[in-house]
Every structure is written in structure tokens, then in C-alpha cells.
Protein backbone atom coordinates (compact mmCIF):
# COMPACT_ATOMS: atom_id res chain seq x y z
CA MET A 1 0.00 0.23 0.01
CA SER A 2 1.26 3.51 -1.26
CA VAL A 3 1.39 6.44 1.10
CA ASP A 4 -1.18 7.87 -1.24
CA GLU A 5 -3.59 5.10 -0.79
CA LEU A 6 -3.65 5.44 3.39
CA PRO A 7 -6.78 6.38 5.14
CA ASP A 8 -6.82 10.51 6.47
CA PHE A 9 -6.72 9.05 9.77
CA LEU A 10 -4.77 5.83 11.30
CA THR A 11 -5.16 3.64 14.04
CA VAL A 12 -1.98 3.35 15.92
CA GLU A 13 -1.54 -0.05 14.77
CA GLU A 14 -1.46 0.85 11.60
CA THR A 15 0.76 3.71 12.10
CA ALA A 16 3.16 1.32 13.67
CA ALA A 17 2.95 -0.52 10.31
CA VAL A 18 3.33 2.08 8.10
CA LEU A 19 6.63 3.14 9.86
CA ARG A 20 8.06 -0.46 10.66
CA ILE A 21 7.86 -0.19 14.18
CA GLY A 22 6.52 -1.98 16.78
CA ARG A 23 3.12 -1.83 18.38
CA THR A 24 4.39 -0.26 21.65
CA SER A 25 7.02 1.80 20.68
CA ALA A 26 4.08 3.50 18.59
CA TYR A 27 1.93 3.96 21.55
CA ALA A 28 4.81 4.92 23.35
CA GLU A 29 5.72 8.05 20.91
CA VAL A 30 1.84 8.93 20.72
CA ARG A 31 1.72 9.51 24.87
CA ARG A 32 4.84 11.42 24.56
CA TRP A 33 3.70 13.75 22.16
CA GLU A 34 0.40 14.09 24.38
CA ILE A 35 2.62 14.67 26.99
CA THR A 36 4.98 17.27 25.55
CA ALA A 37 2.02 19.21 24.21
CA GLY A 38 3.36 18.29 20.84
CA ARG A 39 6.68 18.93 21.04
CA HIS A 40 8.23 15.13 20.71
CA GLY A 41 6.51 12.09 19.31
CA ILE A 42 4.39 11.09 17.27
CA PRO A 43 1.50 13.34 16.37
CA CYS A 44 -2.33 12.40 17.03
CA VAL A 45 -5.87 13.44 17.74
CA ARG A 46 -8.05 12.37 20.18
CA VAL A 47 -11.72 11.30 19.67
CA GLY A 48 -13.47 10.32 22.15
CA ARG A 49 -11.32 6.83 23.86
CA SER A 50 -9.76 6.61 20.11
CA LEU A 51 -6.19 7.82 19.03
CA ARG A 52 -5.64 8.63 15.43
CA VAL A 53 -2.93 9.73 13.40
CA PRO A 54 -3.30 11.97 10.68
CA LYS A 55 -1.82 10.63 7.27
CA ALA A 56 -0.20 14.50 6.92
CA ALA A 57 1.68 13.93 9.70
CA ILE A 58 3.14 10.50 8.72
CA ILE A 59 4.02 12.21 5.28
CA ARG A 60 5.98 15.20 7.01
CA MET A 61 7.42 12.20 9.29
CA LEU A 62 8.24 10.32 6.01
CA GLY A 63 9.20 13.53 4.50
CA ALA A 64 11.63 14.80 7.36
CA GLY A 65 13.95 12.24 6.87
CA ALA A 66 14.74 13.03 2.64
CA PRO A 67 18.04 14.58 2.35
CA VAL A 68 18.13 18.09 1.62
CA ILE A 69 20.29 19.37 -1.32
CA ASP A 70 19.80 23.13 -2.91
CA GLY A 71 16.95 23.92 -0.33
CA GLU A 72 15.14 20.91 -2.04
CA ALA A 73 13.78 17.83 -0.28
CA HIS A 74 14.87 14.89 -2.98
CA ASP A 75 13.64 11.34 -2.44
CA ALA A 76 17.05 8.56 -0.92
CA ALA A 77 16.55 6.51 -3.24
């Protein structure tokens, strides 16, 4: 599944799969986001008792690792 095919909001488990990290690590990073008021961790939105991660946040996270050449981000491949 490509990033374009992802739903607009993902569960923490879906986010863990996309980022290829463990479920426990993903939940820890979501908690870190809430505890630090959004300064660190995986961005999330609380809907009632459910946690959802915006696809836009995942795209930003994935883009943050792209090398920057002449002021533009480029794919590492």
C-alpha cells in the first residue's frame, strides 16, 4: 500500500505498520506527543477514547528524513 492509499486518519497500530516500528513503541510515541504538548513523538488526535494519527503527519515524518540538496528535499533512492 502506498502512502497515497492510506486513509486520512490511521489507528496507532496502522501507523506502527507504516513506520515499521512495534505497536508498543508507537503507543509510547503517541503518549509522548500528548505529554509534551506536541513537541515530541507521533502526532495524534483524540476522538473520544480513540487515538488517530493524521496521514499528513506521517507524510511530514517520512519527508523529514529526505536529504536536502539546494534547499529542496529529494528521495533517498
